[in-house]
N, C-alpha and C. Protein backbone atom coordinates (compact mmCIF):
# COMPACT_ATOMS: atom_id res chain seq x y z
N MET A 1 33.08 248.79 6.75
CA MET A 1 33.80 247.61 6.40
C MET A 1 34.36 247.01 7.64
N LYS A 2 34.27 245.75 7.91
CA LYS A 2 34.87 245.10 9.18
C LYS A 2 36.38 244.74 8.84
N SER A 3 37.09 244.82 9.99
CA SER A 3 38.56 244.57 9.91
C SER A 3 38.82 243.39 10.79
N VAL A 4 39.85 242.62 10.20
CA VAL A 4 40.31 241.59 10.88
C VAL A 4 41.87 241.53 10.99
N ILE A 5 42.23 241.22 12.21
CA ILE A 5 43.71 241.15 12.50
C ILE A 5 44.18 239.90 12.65
N VAL A 6 45.22 239.39 11.87
CA VAL A 6 45.79 238.08 12.05
C VAL A 6 47.22 238.20 12.51
N VAL A 7 47.44 237.62 13.65
CA VAL A 7 48.78 237.81 14.39
C VAL A 7 49.54 236.44 14.34
N LEU A 8 50.54 236.43 13.70
CA LEU A 8 51.37 235.21 13.52
C LEU A 8 52.77 235.27 14.38
N ASN A 9 53.05 234.35 15.03
CA ASN A 9 54.39 234.41 15.70
C ASN A 9 55.19 233.04 15.82
N ASP A 10 55.05 232.32 14.80
CA ASP A 10 55.62 231.07 14.67
C ASP A 10 56.48 230.87 13.21
N VAL A 11 57.42 230.01 13.25
CA VAL A 11 58.34 229.88 12.13
C VAL A 11 57.47 229.56 10.94
N PRO A 12 57.90 230.03 9.69
CA PRO A 12 57.16 229.65 8.61
C PRO A 12 57.11 228.16 8.30
N TYR A 13 58.13 227.40 8.46
CA TYR A 13 58.22 226.07 7.94
C TYR A 13 58.48 225.08 9.39
N GLY A 14 57.99 223.84 9.21
CA GLY A 14 58.28 223.01 10.39
C GLY A 14 56.94 222.52 11.05
N ASN A 15 55.84 223.55 10.74
CA ASN A 15 54.49 223.16 11.25
C ASN A 15 53.56 223.94 10.26
N GLU A 16 52.34 223.92 10.51
CA GLU A 16 51.53 224.64 9.70
C GLU A 16 50.72 225.79 10.22
N ARG A 17 51.09 226.35 11.38
CA ARG A 17 50.49 227.41 11.91
C ARG A 17 50.58 228.78 10.95
N ALA A 18 51.67 229.16 10.73
CA ALA A 18 51.95 230.27 9.79
C ALA A 18 51.09 230.23 8.57
N TYR A 19 51.30 228.85 7.90
CA TYR A 19 50.45 228.77 6.57
C TYR A 19 49.13 228.78 6.71
N ASN A 20 48.51 228.18 7.88
CA ASN A 20 47.05 228.13 8.03
C ASN A 20 46.62 229.73 8.38
N GLY A 21 47.31 230.44 9.16
CA GLY A 21 46.94 231.91 9.46
C GLY A 21 46.98 232.73 8.25
N LEU A 22 47.94 232.40 7.28
CA LEU A 22 48.01 233.26 6.07
C LEU A 22 46.83 232.78 5.06
N ARG A 23 46.51 231.37 4.97
CA ARG A 23 45.41 230.99 4.20
C ARG A 23 44.15 231.61 4.74
N TYR A 24 43.89 231.68 6.03
CA TYR A 24 42.75 232.27 6.73
C TYR A 24 42.63 233.74 6.32
N ALA A 25 43.83 234.57 6.29
CA ALA A 25 43.70 235.93 5.85
C ALA A 25 43.46 236.09 4.45
N HIS A 26 44.04 235.21 3.63
CA HIS A 26 43.84 235.27 2.10
C HIS A 26 42.34 234.98 1.82
N ALA A 27 41.57 233.96 2.69
CA ALA A 27 40.22 233.70 2.22
C ALA A 27 39.32 234.90 2.77
N LEU A 28 39.68 235.51 3.84
CA LEU A 28 38.82 236.60 4.24
C LEU A 28 38.84 237.85 3.27
N LEU A 29 39.84 237.98 2.48
CA LEU A 29 39.93 239.13 1.53
C LEU A 29 38.78 239.07 0.46
N GLY A 30 38.15 237.87 0.28
CA GLY A 30 37.06 237.78 -0.68
C GLY A 30 35.80 238.11 -0.01
N ALA A 31 35.70 238.50 1.22
CA ALA A 31 34.59 238.58 2.07
C ALA A 31 34.37 240.07 2.38
N SER A 32 34.94 241.05 1.54
CA SER A 32 34.79 242.36 1.87
C SER A 32 35.22 242.75 3.28
N VAL A 33 36.35 242.15 3.70
CA VAL A 33 36.89 242.47 5.09
C VAL A 33 38.27 242.94 4.84
N GLN A 34 38.59 244.04 5.61
CA GLN A 34 39.86 244.60 5.58
C GLN A 34 40.81 243.68 6.40
N VAL A 35 41.76 243.19 5.78
CA VAL A 35 42.82 242.25 6.52
C VAL A 35 44.01 242.93 6.84
N LYS A 36 44.59 242.66 8.04
CA LYS A 36 45.83 243.18 8.54
C LYS A 36 46.54 241.83 8.89
N VAL A 37 47.78 241.59 8.73
CA VAL A 37 48.60 240.59 9.11
C VAL A 37 49.71 241.09 9.83
N TYR A 38 49.91 240.65 11.13
CA TYR A 38 50.97 241.07 11.86
C TYR A 38 52.02 239.85 12.03
N LEU A 39 53.40 240.06 11.62
CA LEU A 39 54.30 238.97 11.79
C LEU A 39 55.03 239.43 13.02
N LEU A 40 55.11 238.62 13.99
CA LEU A 40 55.97 238.77 15.26
C LEU A 40 56.90 237.67 15.40
N ALA A 41 57.99 237.89 16.11
CA ALA A 41 59.04 237.17 16.54
C ALA A 41 59.41 236.14 15.30
N ASP A 42 59.32 234.92 15.52
CA ASP A 42 59.77 233.98 14.21
C ASP A 42 59.12 234.15 13.12
N ALA A 43 57.93 234.54 13.13
CA ALA A 43 57.11 234.85 12.05
C ALA A 43 57.59 235.87 10.94
N VAL A 44 58.52 236.74 11.52
CA VAL A 44 59.00 237.79 10.63
C VAL A 44 59.76 237.04 9.39
N THR A 45 60.27 235.82 9.49
CA THR A 45 60.96 235.19 8.38
C THR A 45 59.93 234.87 7.40
N CYS A 46 58.68 234.96 7.60
CA CYS A 46 57.72 234.55 6.62
C CYS A 46 57.73 235.57 5.44
N ALA A 47 58.16 236.68 5.54
CA ALA A 47 58.23 237.71 4.59
C ALA A 47 59.50 237.84 3.87
N LYS A 48 60.45 236.89 4.18
CA LYS A 48 61.80 236.98 3.54
C LYS A 48 61.64 236.62 2.14
N ASN A 49 62.35 237.42 1.18
CA ASN A 49 62.38 237.21 -0.26
C ASN A 49 63.20 235.96 -0.72
N GLY A 50 62.72 235.46 -1.79
CA GLY A 50 63.51 234.29 -2.34
C GLY A 50 63.56 233.04 -1.59
N GLN A 51 62.53 232.70 -0.91
CA GLN A 51 62.35 231.49 -0.01
C GLN A 51 62.53 230.27 -1.02
N THR A 52 63.01 229.25 -0.29
CA THR A 52 63.09 227.82 -0.78
C THR A 52 62.49 226.94 0.13
N PRO A 53 61.27 226.79 0.07
CA PRO A 53 60.61 226.17 1.29
C PRO A 53 60.94 224.52 1.09
N PRO A 54 61.02 223.78 2.31
CA PRO A 54 61.39 222.44 2.32
C PRO A 54 60.39 221.63 1.43
N ASN A 55 60.77 220.42 1.05
CA ASN A 55 59.79 219.65 0.22
C ASN A 55 58.46 219.44 1.13
N GLY A 56 57.53 219.61 0.23
CA GLY A 56 56.11 219.29 0.94
C GLY A 56 55.45 220.47 1.73
N TYR A 57 56.25 221.65 1.58
CA TYR A 57 55.69 222.82 2.27
C TYR A 57 55.30 223.87 1.19
N TYR A 58 54.18 224.59 1.36
CA TYR A 58 53.83 225.75 0.53
C TYR A 58 54.68 226.89 0.81
N ASN A 59 54.88 227.70 -0.39
CA ASN A 59 55.67 228.90 -0.14
C ASN A 59 55.03 230.00 0.60
N VAL A 60 55.30 230.43 1.85
CA VAL A 60 54.29 231.41 2.50
C VAL A 60 54.71 232.71 1.87
N GLU A 61 55.81 232.95 1.33
CA GLU A 61 56.17 234.21 0.66
C GLU A 61 55.13 234.43 -0.37
N THR A 62 54.74 233.40 -1.20
CA THR A 62 53.66 233.57 -2.21
C THR A 62 52.40 234.03 -1.63
N LEU A 63 52.08 233.34 -0.58
CA LEU A 63 50.68 233.62 0.16
C LEU A 63 50.83 235.06 0.55
N ILE A 64 51.84 235.66 1.18
CA ILE A 64 51.97 237.04 1.60
C ILE A 64 51.81 237.90 0.58
N GLY A 65 52.39 237.58 -0.72
CA GLY A 65 52.35 238.32 -1.80
C GLY A 65 50.81 238.44 -2.36
N GLY A 66 50.20 237.37 -2.26
CA GLY A 66 48.79 237.33 -2.60
C GLY A 66 47.77 238.13 -1.73
N ILE A 67 48.16 238.22 -0.53
CA ILE A 67 47.49 239.12 0.34
C ILE A 67 47.61 240.54 0.18
N VAL A 68 48.87 240.98 -0.18
CA VAL A 68 49.17 242.35 -0.41
C VAL A 68 48.64 242.78 -1.69
N ARG A 69 48.61 241.83 -2.71
CA ARG A 69 48.21 242.12 -4.08
C ARG A 69 46.65 242.36 -4.07
N ARG A 70 45.89 241.73 -3.18
CA ARG A 70 44.52 241.76 -3.10
C ARG A 70 43.92 242.79 -2.06
N GLY A 71 44.96 243.68 -1.42
CA GLY A 71 44.47 244.78 -0.78
C GLY A 71 44.75 244.63 0.74
N GLY A 72 45.31 243.51 1.21
CA GLY A 72 45.55 243.34 2.53
C GLY A 72 46.75 243.99 2.90
N THR A 73 47.25 244.26 4.26
CA THR A 73 48.42 244.64 4.72
C THR A 73 49.21 243.71 5.45
N VAL A 74 50.49 243.66 5.47
CA VAL A 74 51.34 242.87 6.35
C VAL A 74 52.44 243.64 6.93
N HIS A 75 52.41 243.54 8.21
CA HIS A 75 53.34 244.37 9.05
C HIS A 75 54.35 243.36 9.71
N ALA A 76 55.71 243.84 9.83
CA ALA A 76 56.60 242.73 10.53
C ALA A 76 57.15 243.72 11.78
């Protein structure tokens, strides 16, 4: 099985970098790939429980939960 590591180091809201990285990781899980996500620096706040995202932004906490439920790992 192939393994992919996704490293995020930007804030969860204000731009779409964290969102796009998590979407990429989520999409890879359906391709028989072992996915590991590493949250560094400001990206650690992506894993905070009980988020209320700003209007127009997707909740990255929900994406992280989906990755974990489908067998991926998230490290902070």
